[in-house]
């Protein structure tokens, strides 16, 4: 599902994506492969993939596999938006600040 979702978003022109893994408590090689494949597809479109991970177990898996070197990782969606220049510019343009944009979109 993740691969297909990324494919559809790229086809619609969305190339700077944030995947919220905050509720994920298990990830295997298929999930890791989907993230790597998504990152590759987005980079080919001059885009980016960032992750919001609040589960220590999932973060640890990404660290062990070395994926934290290839993917931008933050603890929350709001932190991920604030750390990504593309998202930060969009949030500030649309709402004046990242904090306000996240509040308007019910993101933490």
PDB file of N, CA and C in Angstrom:
ATOM      1  N   UNK A   1       0.827  -1.192   0.000  1.00  0.00           N
ATOM      2  CA  UNK A   1       0.000   0.000   0.000  1.00  0.00           C
ATOM      3  C   UNK A   1       0.875   1.261   0.000  1.00  0.00           C
ATOM      4  N   UNK A   2       1.957   1.239   0.757  1.00  0.00           N
ATOM      5  CA  UNK A   2       2.843   2.407   0.819  1.00  0.00           C
ATOM      6  C   UNK A   2       3.461   2.690  -0.545  1.00  0.00           C
ATOM      7  N   UNK A   3       3.936   1.647  -1.202  1.00  0.00           N
ATOM      8  CA  UNK A   3       4.522   1.831  -2.542  1.00  0.00           C
ATOM      9  C   UNK A   3       3.509   2.468  -3.485  1.00  0.00           C
ATOM     10  N   UNK A   4       2.310   1.947  -3.487  1.00  0.00           N
ATOM     11  CA  UNK A   4       1.270   2.457  -4.381  1.00  0.00           C
ATOM     12  C   UNK A   4       0.901   3.894  -4.037  1.00  0.00           C
ATOM     13  N   UNK A   5       0.806   4.203  -2.764  1.00  0.00           N
ATOM     14  CA  UNK A   5       0.474   5.566  -2.333  1.00  0.00           C
ATOM     15  C   UNK A   5       1.537   6.560  -2.795  1.00  0.00           C
ATOM     16  N   UNK A   6       2.800   6.197  -2.635  1.00  0.00           N
ATOM     17  CA  UNK A   6       3.881   7.076  -3.077  1.00  0.00           C
ATOM     18  C   UNK A   6       3.829   7.239  -4.592  1.00  0.00           C
ATOM     19  N   UNK A   7       3.623   6.159  -5.302  1.00  0.00           N
ATOM     20  CA  UNK A   7       3.514   6.202  -6.763  1.00  0.00           C
ATOM     21  C   UNK A   7       2.410   7.172  -7.189  1.00  0.00           C
ATOM     22  N   UNK A   8       1.258   7.066  -6.575  1.00  0.00           N
ATOM     23  CA  UNK A   8       0.125   7.940  -6.906  1.00  0.00           C
ATOM     24  C   UNK A   8       0.424   9.403  -6.587  1.00  0.00           C
ATOM     25  N   UNK A   9       1.041   9.660  -5.435  1.00  0.00           N
ATOM     26  CA  UNK A   9       1.362  11.035  -5.054  1.00  0.00           C
ATOM     27  C   UNK A   9       2.366  11.663  -6.006  1.00  0.00           C
ATOM     28  N   UNK A  10       3.384  10.898  -6.388  1.00  0.00           N
ATOM     29  CA  UNK A  10       4.382  11.410  -7.333  1.00  0.00           C
ATOM     30  C   UNK A  10       3.711  11.713  -8.673  1.00  0.00           C
ATOM     31  N   UNK A  11       2.821  10.841  -9.109  1.00  0.00           N
ATOM     32  CA  UNK A  11       2.110  11.066 -10.373  1.00  0.00           C
ATOM     33  C   UNK A  11       1.279  12.348 -10.332  1.00  0.00           C
ATOM     34  N   UNK A  12       0.809  12.722  -9.147  1.00  0.00           N
ATOM     35  CA  UNK A  12       0.026  13.954  -8.979  1.00  0.00           C
ATOM     36  C   UNK A  12       0.905  15.171  -8.731  1.00  0.00           C
ATOM     37  N   UNK A  13       2.232  14.975  -8.662  1.00  0.00           N
ATOM     38  CA  UNK A  13       3.148  16.089  -8.488  1.00  0.00           C
ATOM     39  C   UNK A  13       3.625  16.336  -7.072  1.00  0.00           C
ATOM     40  N   UNK A  14       3.192  15.532  -6.116  1.00  0.00           N
ATOM     41  CA  UNK A  14       3.661  15.673  -4.730  1.00  0.00           C
ATOM     42  C   UNK A  14       4.974  14.909  -4.605  1.00  0.00           C
ATOM     43  N   UNK A  15       6.071  15.622  -4.381  1.00  0.00           N
ATOM     44  CA  UNK A  15       7.369  14.954  -4.342  1.00  0.00           C
ATOM     45  C   UNK A  15       8.115  15.141  -3.026  1.00  0.00           C
ATOM     46  N   UNK A  16       7.596  15.948  -2.120  1.00  0.00           N
ATOM     47  CA  UNK A  16       8.198  16.112  -0.800  1.00  0.00           C
ATOM     48  C   UNK A  16       7.199  15.539   0.204  1.00  0.00           C
ATOM     49  N   UNK A  17       7.486  14.331   0.678  1.00  0.00           N
ATOM     50  CA  UNK A  17       6.535  13.603   1.510  1.00  0.00           C
ATOM     51  C   UNK A  17       7.075  13.366   2.910  1.00  0.00           C
ATOM     52  N   UNK A  18       6.135  13.296   3.845  1.00  0.00           N
ATOM     53  CA  UNK A  18       6.435  12.905   5.219  1.00  0.00           C
ATOM     54  C   UNK A  18       5.585  11.679   5.529  1.00  0.00           C
ATOM     55  N   UNK A  19       6.240  10.621   5.973  1.00  0.00           N
ATOM     56  CA  UNK A  19       5.527   9.419   6.392  1.00  0.00           C
ATOM     57  C   UNK A  19       5.479   9.418   7.917  1.00  0.00           C
ATOM     58  N   UNK A  20       4.279   9.443   8.460  1.00  0.00           N
ATOM     59  CA  UNK A  20       4.092   9.421   9.905  1.00  0.00           C
ATOM     60  C   UNK A  20       4.029   7.971  10.369  1.00  0.00           C
ATOM     61  N   UNK A  21       5.106   7.517  10.976  1.00  0.00           N
ATOM     62  CA  UNK A  21       5.181   6.141  11.477  1.00  0.00           C
ATOM     63  C   UNK A  21       4.924   6.086  12.983  1.00  0.00           C
ATOM     64  N   UNK A  22       4.284   7.102  13.500  1.00  0.00           N
ATOM     65  CA  UNK A  22       4.045   7.204  14.930  1.00  0.00           C
ATOM     66  C   UNK A  22       3.246   6.056  15.529  1.00  0.00           C
ATOM     67  N   UNK A  23       2.398   5.437  14.750  1.00  0.00           N
ATOM     68  CA  UNK A  23       1.586   4.321  15.265  1.00  0.00           C
ATOM     69  C   UNK A  23       2.090   2.963  14.812  1.00  0.00           C
ATOM     70  N   UNK A  24       3.214   2.963  14.131  1.00  0.00           N
ATOM     71  CA  UNK A  24       3.786   1.703  13.653  1.00  0.00           C
ATOM     72  C   UNK A  24       4.568   1.059  14.791  1.00  0.00           C
ATOM     73  N   UNK A  25       4.253  -0.206  15.082  1.00  0.00           N
ATOM     74  CA  UNK A  25       5.000  -0.892  16.138  1.00  0.00           C
ATOM     75  C   UNK A  25       5.761  -2.104  15.600  1.00  0.00           C
ATOM     76  N   UNK A  26       5.654  -2.338  14.290  1.00  0.00           N
ATOM     77  CA  UNK A  26       6.386  -3.439  13.667  1.00  0.00           C
ATOM     78  C   UNK A  26       6.714  -3.049  12.237  1.00  0.00           C
ATOM     79  N   UNK A  27       7.951  -3.308  11.816  1.00  0.00           N
ATOM     80  CA  UNK A  27       8.345  -3.108  10.429  1.00  0.00           C
ATOM     81  C   UNK A  27       9.308  -4.219  10.056  1.00  0.00           C
ATOM     82  N   UNK A  28       9.091  -4.807   8.892  1.00  0.00           N
ATOM     83  CA  UNK A  28       9.973  -5.881   8.440  1.00  0.00           C
ATOM     84  C   UNK A  28      10.678  -5.442   7.163  1.00  0.00           C
ATOM     85  N   UNK A  29      11.343  -6.381   6.517  1.00  0.00           N
ATOM     86  CA  UNK A  29      12.113  -6.044   5.320  1.00  0.00           C
ATOM     87  C   UNK A  29      11.225  -5.522   4.192  1.00  0.00           C
ATOM     88  N   UNK A  30       9.993  -5.971   4.134  1.00  0.00           N
ATOM     89  CA  UNK A  30       9.076  -5.464   3.111  1.00  0.00           C
ATOM     90  C   UNK A  30       8.776  -3.986   3.351  1.00  0.00           C
ATOM     91  N   UNK A  31       8.519  -3.630   4.590  1.00  0.00           N
ATOM     92  CA  UNK A  31       8.260  -2.228   4.925  1.00  0.00           C
ATOM     93  C   UNK A  31       9.483  -1.360   4.703  1.00  0.00           C
ATOM     94  N   UNK A  32      10.653  -1.859   5.098  1.00  0.00           N
ATOM     95  CA  UNK A  32      11.896  -1.121   4.880  1.00  0.00           C
ATOM     96  C   UNK A  32      12.150  -0.949   3.384  1.00  0.00           C
ATOM     97  N   UNK A  33      11.871  -1.994   2.620  1.00  0.00           N
ATOM     98  CA  UNK A  33      12.033  -1.921   1.170  1.00  0.00           C
ATOM     99  C   UNK A  33      11.101  -0.907   0.541  1.00  0.00           C
ATOM    100  N   UNK A  34       9.886  -0.818   1.060  1.00  0.00           N
ATOM    101  CA  UNK A  34       8.933   0.172   0.545  1.00  0.00           C
ATOM    102  C   UNK A  34       9.422   1.587   0.827  1.00  0.00           C
ATOM    103  N   UNK A  35      10.000   1.801   1.996  1.00  0.00           N
ATOM    104  CA  UNK A  35      10.546   3.125   2.322  1.00  0.00           C
ATOM    105  C   UNK A  35      11.725   3.471   1.408  1.00  0.00           C
ATOM    106  N   UNK A  36      12.629   2.520   1.210  1.00  0.00           N
ATOM    107  CA  UNK A  36      13.790   2.754   0.351  1.00  0.00           C
ATOM    108  C   UNK A  36      13.339   2.978  -1.098  1.00  0.00           C
ATOM    109  N   UNK A  37      12.414   2.162  -1.562  1.00  0.00           N
ATOM    110  CA  UNK A  37      11.894   2.334  -2.922  1.00  0.00           C
ATOM    111  C   UNK A  37      11.189   3.668  -3.092  1.00  0.00           C
ATOM    112  N   UNK A  38      10.434   4.066  -2.080  1.00  0.00           N
ATOM    113  CA  UNK A  38       9.763   5.364  -2.120  1.00  0.00           C
ATOM    114  C   UNK A  38      10.752   6.503  -2.150  1.00  0.00           C
ATOM    115  N   UNK A  39      11.798   6.396  -1.343  1.00  0.00           N
ATOM    116  CA  UNK A  39      12.835   7.424  -1.329  1.00  0.00           C
ATOM    117  C   UNK A  39      13.490   7.532  -2.703  1.00  0.00           C
ATOM    118  N   UNK A  40      13.807   6.398  -3.298  1.00  0.00           N
ATOM    119  CA  UNK A  40      14.431   6.401  -4.626  1.00  0.00           C
ATOM    120  C   UNK A  40      13.517   7.061  -5.654  1.00  0.00           C
ATOM    121  N   UNK A  41      12.253   6.698  -5.660  1.00  0.00           N
ATOM    122  CA  UNK A  41      11.284   7.266  -6.611  1.00  0.00           C
ATOM    123  C   UNK A  41      11.171   8.781  -6.406  1.00  0.00           C
ATOM    124  N   UNK A  42      11.112   9.219  -5.163  1.00  0.00           N
ATOM    125  CA  UNK A  42      10.986  10.649  -4.877  1.00  0.00           C
ATOM    126  C   UNK A  42      12.248  11.411  -5.265  1.00  0.00           C
ATOM    127  N   UNK A  43      13.398  10.836  -4.996  1.00  0.00           N
ATOM    128  CA  UNK A  43      14.652  11.504  -5.381  1.00  0.00           C
ATOM    129  C   UNK A  43      14.772  11.628  -6.895  1.00  0.00           C
ATOM    130  N   UNK A  44      14.291  10.620  -7.624  1.00  0.00           N
ATOM    131  CA  UNK A  44      14.297  10.687  -9.089  1.00  0.00           C
ATOM    132  C   UNK A  44      13.430  11.843  -9.586  1.00  0.00           C
ATOM    133  N   UNK A  45      12.444  12.241  -8.793  1.00  0.00           N
ATOM    134  CA  UNK A  45      11.555  13.353  -9.132  1.00  0.00           C
ATOM    135  C   UNK A  45      12.002  14.645  -8.434  1.00  0.00           C
ATOM    136  N   UNK A  46      13.260  14.678  -7.972  1.00  0.00           N
ATOM    137  CA  UNK A  46      13.815  15.825  -7.223  1.00  0.00           C
ATOM    138  C   UNK A  46      13.034  16.105  -5.948  1.00  0.00           C
ATOM    139  N   UNK A  47      12.557  15.040  -5.319  1.00  0.00           N
ATOM    140  CA  UNK A  47      11.786  15.178  -4.093  1.00  0.00           C
ATOM    141  C   UNK A  47      12.521  14.626  -2.886  1.00  0.00           C
ATOM    142  N   UNK A  48      11.763  14.429  -1.820  1.00  0.00           N
ATOM    143  CA  UNK A  48      12.350  13.947  -0.572  1.00  0.00           C
ATOM    144  C   UNK A  48      11.312  13.133   0.208  1.00  0.00           C
ATOM    145  N   UNK A  49      11.822  12.311   1.098  1.00  0.00           N
ATOM    146  CA  UNK A  49      10.992  11.546   2.011  1.00  0.00           C
ATOM    147  C   UNK A  49      11.554  11.722   3.409  1.00  0.00           C
ATOM    148  N   UNK A  50      10.728  12.173   4.316  1.00  0.00           N
ATOM    149  CA  UNK A  50      11.117  12.331   5.717  1.00  0.00           C
ATOM    150  C   UNK A  50      10.168  11.482   6.558  1.00  0.00           C
ATOM    151  N   UNK A  51      10.652  11.055   7.710  1.00  0.00           N
ATOM    152  CA  UNK A  51       9.859  10.184   8.581  1.00  0.00           C
ATOM    153  C   UNK A  51       9.647  10.817   9.947  1.00  0.00           C
ATOM    154  N   UNK A  52       8.444  10.653  10.454  1.00  0.00           N
ATOM    155  CA  UNK A  52       8.136  11.004  11.836  1.00  0.00           C
ATOM    156  C   UNK A  52       8.000   9.681  12.584  1.00  0.00           C
ATOM    157  N   UNK A  53       8.910   9.441  13.523  1.00  0.00           N
ATOM    158  CA  UNK A  53       8.939   8.175  14.260  1.00  0.00           C
ATOM    159  C   UNK A  53       9.003   8.469  15.748  1.00  0.00           C
ATOM    160  N   UNK A  54       7.984   8.050  16.468  1.00  0.00           N
ATOM    161  CA  UNK A  54       7.975   8.267  17.914  1.00  0.00           C
ATOM    162  C   UNK A  54       8.186   6.969  18.688  1.00  0.00           C
ATOM    163  N   UNK A  55       8.184   5.845  17.992  1.00  0.00           N
ATOM    164  CA  UNK A  55       8.360   4.543  18.632  1.00  0.00           C
ATOM    165  C   UNK A  55       9.836   4.181  18.672  1.00  0.00           C
ATOM    166  N   UNK A  56      10.420   4.077  19.865  1.00  0.00           N
ATOM    167  CA  UNK A  56      11.851   3.756  19.964  1.00  0.00           C
ATOM    168  C   UNK A  56      12.245   2.481  19.216  1.00  0.00           C
ATOM    169  N   UNK A  57      11.388   1.496  19.239  1.00  0.00           N
ATOM    170  CA  UNK A  57      11.676   0.219  18.574  1.00  0.00           C
ATOM    171  C   UNK A  57      11.851   0.405  17.069  1.00  0.00           C
ATOM    172  N   UNK A  58      10.985   1.168  16.453  1.00  0.00           N
ATOM    173  CA  UNK A  58      11.062   1.404  15.008  1.00  0.00           C
ATOM    174  C   UNK A  58      12.286   2.262  14.691  1.00  0.00           C
ATOM    175  N   UNK A  59      12.534   3.273  15.493  1.00  0.00           N
ATOM    176  CA  UNK A  59      13.720   4.101  15.296  1.00  0.00           C
ATOM    177  C   UNK A  59      14.985   3.255  15.386  1.00  0.00           C
ATOM    178  N   UNK A  60      15.028   2.354  16.347  1.00  0.00           N
ATOM    179  CA  UNK A  60      16.189   1.476  16.528  1.00  0.00           C
ATOM    180  C   UNK A  60      16.420   0.607  15.282  1.00  0.00           C
ATOM    181  N   UNK A  61      15.364   0.072  14.712  1.00  0.00           N
ATOM    182  CA  UNK A  61      15.479  -0.748  13.494  1.00  0.00           C
ATOM    183  C   UNK A  61      16.059   0.084  12.349  1.00  0.00           C
ATOM    184  N   UNK A  62      15.581   1.304  12.206  1.00  0.00           N
ATOM    185  CA  UNK A  62      16.099   2.167  11.147  1.00  0.00           C
ATOM    186  C   UNK A  62      17.562   2.530  11.397  1.00  0.00           C
ATOM    187  N   UNK A  63      17.936   2.690  12.654  1.00  0.00           N
ATOM    188  CA  UNK A  63      19.333   2.978  12.977  1.00  0.00           C
ATOM    189  C   UNK A  63      20.221   1.768  12.667  1.00  0.00           C
ATOM    190  N   UNK A  64      19.786   0.583  13.058  1.00  0.00           N
ATOM    191  CA  UNK A  64      20.554  -0.641  12.824  1.00  0.00           C
ATOM    192  C   UNK A  64      20.779  -0.870  11.330  1.00  0.00           C
ATOM    193  N   UNK A  65      19.756  -0.611  10.530  1.00  0.00           N
ATOM    194  CA  UNK A  65      19.858  -0.836   9.085  1.00  0.00           C
ATOM    195  C   UNK A  65      20.593   0.292   8.371  1.00  0.00           C
ATOM    196  N   UNK A  66      20.873   1.375   9.070  1.00  0.00           N
ATOM    197  CA  UNK A  66      21.561   2.504   8.453  1.00  0.00           C
ATOM    198  C   UNK A  66      20.642   3.451   7.705  1.00  0.00           C
ATOM    199  N   UNK A  67      19.351   3.210   7.759  1.00  0.00           N
ATOM    200  CA  UNK A  67      18.414   4.050   7.002  1.00  0.00           C
ATOM    201  C   UNK A  67      18.280   5.461   7.566  1.00  0.00           C
ATOM    202  N   UNK A  68      18.665   5.654   8.823  1.00  0.00           N
ATOM    203  CA  UNK A  68      18.613   7.019   9.367  1.00  0.00           C
ATOM    204  C   UNK A  68      19.661   7.910   8.711  1.00  0.00           C
ATOM    205  N   UNK A  69      20.619   7.317   8.010  1.00  0.00           N
ATOM    206  CA  UNK A  69      21.606   8.105   7.265  1.00  0.00           C
ATOM    207  C   UNK A  69      21.030   8.578   5.928  1.00  0.00           C
ATOM    208  N   UNK A  70      20.058   7.834   5.393  1.00  0.00           N
ATOM    209  CA  UNK A  70      19.479   8.161   4.095  1.00  0.00           C
ATOM    210  C   UNK A  70      18.156   8.923   4.213  1.00  0.00           C
ATOM    211  N   UNK A  71      17.455   8.714   5.313  1.00  0.00           N
ATOM    212  CA  UNK A  71      16.137   9.330   5.512  1.00  0.00           C
ATOM    213  C   UNK A  71      16.187  10.325   6.657  1.00  0.00           C
ATOM    214  N   UNK A  72      15.553  11.460   6.470  1.00  0.00           N
ATOM    215  CA  UNK A  72      15.434  12.438   7.555  1.00  0.00           C
ATOM    216  C   UNK A  72      14.419  11.896   8.553  1.00  0.00           C
ATOM    217  N   UNK A  73      14.799  11.854   9.822  1.00  0.00           N
ATOM    218  CA  UNK A  73      13.936  11.288  10.862  1.00  0.00           C
ATOM    219  C   UNK A  73      13.789  12.292  11.999  1.00  0.00           C
ATOM    220  N   UNK A  74      12.540  12.518  12.415  1.00  0.00           N
ATOM    221  CA  UNK A  74      12.225  13.358  13.564  1.00  0.00           C
ATOM    222  C   UNK A  74      11.227  12.602  14.438  1.00  0.00           C
ATOM    223  N   UNK A  75      10.963  13.129  15.625  1.00  0.00           N
ATOM    224  CA  UNK A  75      10.064  12.448  16.573  1.00  0.00           C
ATOM    225  C   UNK A  75       8.584  12.715  16.320  1.00  0.00           C
ATOM    226  N   UNK A  76       8.247  13.774  15.608  1.00  0.00           N
ATOM    227  CA  UNK A  76       6.836  14.083  15.355  1.00  0.00           C
ATOM    228  C   UNK A  76       6.688  14.692  13.965  1.00  0.00           C
ATOM    229  N   UNK A  77       5.474  14.739  13.482  1.00  0.00           N
ATOM    230  CA  UNK A  77       5.210  15.361  12.182  1.00  0.00           C
ATOM    231  C   UNK A  77       5.579  16.839  12.239  1.00  0.00           C
ATOM    232  N   UNK A  78       5.215  17.516  13.329  1.00  0.00           N
ATOM    233  CA  UNK A  78       5.532  18.945  13.460  1.00  0.00           C
ATOM    234  C   UNK A  78       7.045  19.170  13.418  1.00  0.00           C
ATOM    235  N   UNK A  79       7.813  18.343  14.104  1.00  0.00           N
ATOM    236  CA  UNK A  79       9.269  18.463  14.087  1.00  0.00           C
ATOM    237  C   UNK A  79       9.814  18.191  12.683  1.00  0.00           C
ATOM    238  N   UNK A  80       9.215  17.241  11.989  1.00  0.00           N
ATOM    239  CA  UNK A  80       9.651  16.899  10.642  1.00  0.00           C
ATOM    240  C   UNK A  80       9.379  18.057   9.691  1.00  0.00           C
ATOM    241  N   UNK A  81       8.226  18.684   9.819  1.00  0.00           N
ATOM    242  CA  UNK A  81       7.896  19.848   8.989  1.00  0.00           C
ATOM    243  C   UNK A  81       8.865  20.983   9.264  1.00  0.00           C
ATOM    244  N   UNK A  82       9.137  21.234  10.525  1.00  0.00           N
ATOM    245  CA  UNK A  82      10.045  22.331  10.898  1.00  0.00           C
ATOM    246  C   UNK A  82      11.465  22.081  10.400  1.00  0.00           C
ATOM    247  N   UNK A  83      11.869  20.823  10.281  1.00  0.00           N
ATOM    248  CA  UNK A  83      13.236  20.494   9.871  1.00  0.00           C
ATOM    249  C   UNK A  83      13.410  20.419   8.355  1.00  0.00           C
ATOM    250  N   UNK A  84      12.329  20.382   7.615  1.00  0.00           N
ATOM    251  CA  UNK A  84      12.410  20.223   6.160  1.00  0.00           C
ATOM    252  C   UNK A  84      12.144  21.569   5.479  1.00  0.00           C
ATOM    253  N   UNK A  85      13.098  22.091   4.720  1.00  0.00           N
ATOM    254  CA  UNK A  85      12.929  23.426   4.123  1.00  0.00           C
ATOM    255  C   UNK A  85      11.713  23.543   3.207  1.00  0.00           C
ATOM    256  N   UNK A  86      11.400  22.485   2.460  1.00  0.00           N
ATOM    257  CA  UNK A  86      10.239  22.540   1.560  1.00  0.00           C
ATOM    258  C   UNK A  86       8.941  22.665   2.349  1.00  0.00           C
ATOM    259  N   UNK A  87       8.801  21.828   3.376  1.00  0.00           N
ATOM    260  CA  UNK A  87       7.601  21.872   4.203  1.00  0.00           C
ATOM    261  C   UNK A  87       7.545  23.152   5.023  1.00  0.00           C
ATOM    262  N   UNK A  88       8.673  23.580   5.545  1.00  0.00           N
ATOM    263  CA  UNK A  88       8.713  24.789   6.360  1.00  0.00           C
ATOM    264  C   UNK A  88       8.248  25.994   5.546  1.00  0.00           C
ATOM    265  N   UNK A  89       8.743  26.135   4.327  1.00  0.00           N
ATOM    266  CA  UNK A  89       8.326  27.247   3.467  1.00  0.00           C
ATOM    267  C   UNK A  89       6.836  27.200   3.185  1.00  0.00           C
ATOM    268  N   UNK A  90       6.324  26.017   2.908  1.00  0.00           N
ATOM    269  CA  UNK A  90       4.893  25.875   2.635  1.00  0.00           C
ATOM    270  C   UNK A  90       4.067  26.263   3.852  1.00  0.00           C
ATOM    271  N   UNK A  91       4.463  25.749   5.011  1.00  0.00           N
ATOM    272  CA  UNK A  91       3.721  26.051   6.246  1.00  0.00           C
ATOM    273  C   UNK A  91       3.744  27.542   6.552  1.00  0.00           C
ATOM    274  N   UNK A  92       4.887  28.155   6.411  1.00  0.00           N
ATOM    275  CA  UNK A  92       4.993  29.592   6.706  1.00  0.00           C
ATOM    276  C   UNK A  92       4.216  30.429   5.689  1.00  0.00           C
ATOM    277  N   UNK A  93       4.244  30.011   4.427  1.00  0.00           N
ATOM    278  CA  UNK A  93       3.497  30.733   3.389  1.00  0.00           C
ATOM    279  C   UNK A  93       1.983  30.618   3.611  1.00  0.00           C
ATOM    280  N   UNK A  94       1.530  29.448   3.985  1.00  0.00           N
ATOM    281  CA  UNK A  94       0.091  29.209   4.121  1.00  0.00           C
ATOM    282  C   UNK A  94      -0.486  29.647   5.464  1.00  0.00           C
ATOM    283  N   UNK A  95       0.314  29.574   6.533  1.00  0.00           N
ATOM    284  CA  UNK A  95      -0.255  29.849   7.856  1.00  0.00           C
ATOM    285  C   UNK A  95       0.578  30.808   8.696  1.00  0.00           C
ATOM    286  N   UNK A  96       1.699  31.257   8.196  1.00  0.00           N
ATOM    287  CA  UNK A  96       2.528  32.183   8.947  1.00  0.00           C
ATOM    288  C   UNK A  96       3.608  31.525   9.774  1.00  0.00           C
ATOM    289  N   UNK A  97       3.378  30.286  10.191  1.00  0.00           N
ATOM    290  CA  UNK A  97       4.384  29.561  10.966  1.00  0.00           C
ATOM    291  C   UNK A  97       4.095  28.057  10.899  1.00  0.00           C
ATOM    292  N   UNK A  98       5.133  27.288  11.182  1.00  0.00           N
ATOM    293  CA  UNK A  98       4.966  25.830  11.218  1.00  0.00           C
ATOM    294  C   UNK A  98       3.976  25.455  12.310  1.00  0.00           C
ATOM    295  N   UNK A  99       4.125  26.073  13.477  1.00  0.00           N
ATOM    296  CA  UNK A  99       3.232  25.769  14.604  1.00  0.00           C
ATOM    297  C   UNK A  99       1.767  26.007  14.219  1.00  0.00           C
ATOM    298  N   UNK A 100       1.475  27.130  13.593  1.00  0.00           N
ATOM    299  CA  UNK A 100       0.095  27.443  13.217  1.00  0.00           C
ATOM    300  C   UNK A 100      -0.411  26.499  12.130  1.00  0.00           C
ATOM    301  N   UNK A 101       0.431  26.180  11.168  1.00  0.00           N
ATOM    302  CA  UNK A 101       0.024  25.261  10.100  1.00  0.00           C
ATOM    303  C   UNK A 101      -0.323  23.897  10.689  1.00  0.00           C
ATOM    304  N   UNK A 102       0.522  23.424  11.605  1.00  0.00           N
ATOM    305  CA  UNK A 102       0.264  22.134  12.254  1.00  0.00           C
ATOM    306  C   UNK A 102      -1.017  22.191  13.086  1.00  0.00           C
ATOM    307  N   UNK A 103      -1.250  23.287  13.776  1.00  0.00           N
ATOM    308  CA  UNK A 103      -2.471  23.439  14.554  1.00  0.00           C
ATOM    309  C   UNK A 103      -3.694  23.385  13.643  1.00  0.00           C
ATOM    310  N   UNK A 104      -3.626  24.072  12.514  1.00  0.00           N
ATOM    311  CA  UNK A 104      -4.741  24.086  11.563  1.00  0.00           C
ATOM    312  C   UNK A 104      -5.023  22.722  10.972  1.00  0.00           C
ATOM    313  N   UNK A 105      -4.002  21.884  10.891  1.00  0.00           N
ATOM    314  CA  UNK A 105      -4.140  20.554  10.288  1.00  0.00           C
ATOM    315  C   UNK A 105      -4.155  19.437  11.339  1.00  0.00           C
ATOM    316  N   UNK A 106      -4.336  19.806  12.593  1.00  0.00           N
ATOM    317  CA  UNK A 106      -4.403  18.835  13.694  1.00  0.00           C
ATOM    318  C   UNK A 106      -3.209  17.892  13.735  1.00  0.00           C
ATOM    319  N   UNK A 107      -2.027  18.473  13.556  1.00  0.00           N
ATOM    320  CA  UNK A 107      -0.786  17.691  13.612  1.00  0.00           C
ATOM    321  C   UNK A 107       0.010  18.106  14.839  1.00  0.00           C
ATOM    322  N   UNK A 108       0.710  17.155  15.407  1.00  0.00           N
ATOM    323  CA  UNK A 108       1.549  17.477  16.573  1.00  0.00           C
ATOM    324  C   UNK A 108       2.991  17.185  16.278  1.00  0.00           C
TER     325      UNK A 108
END
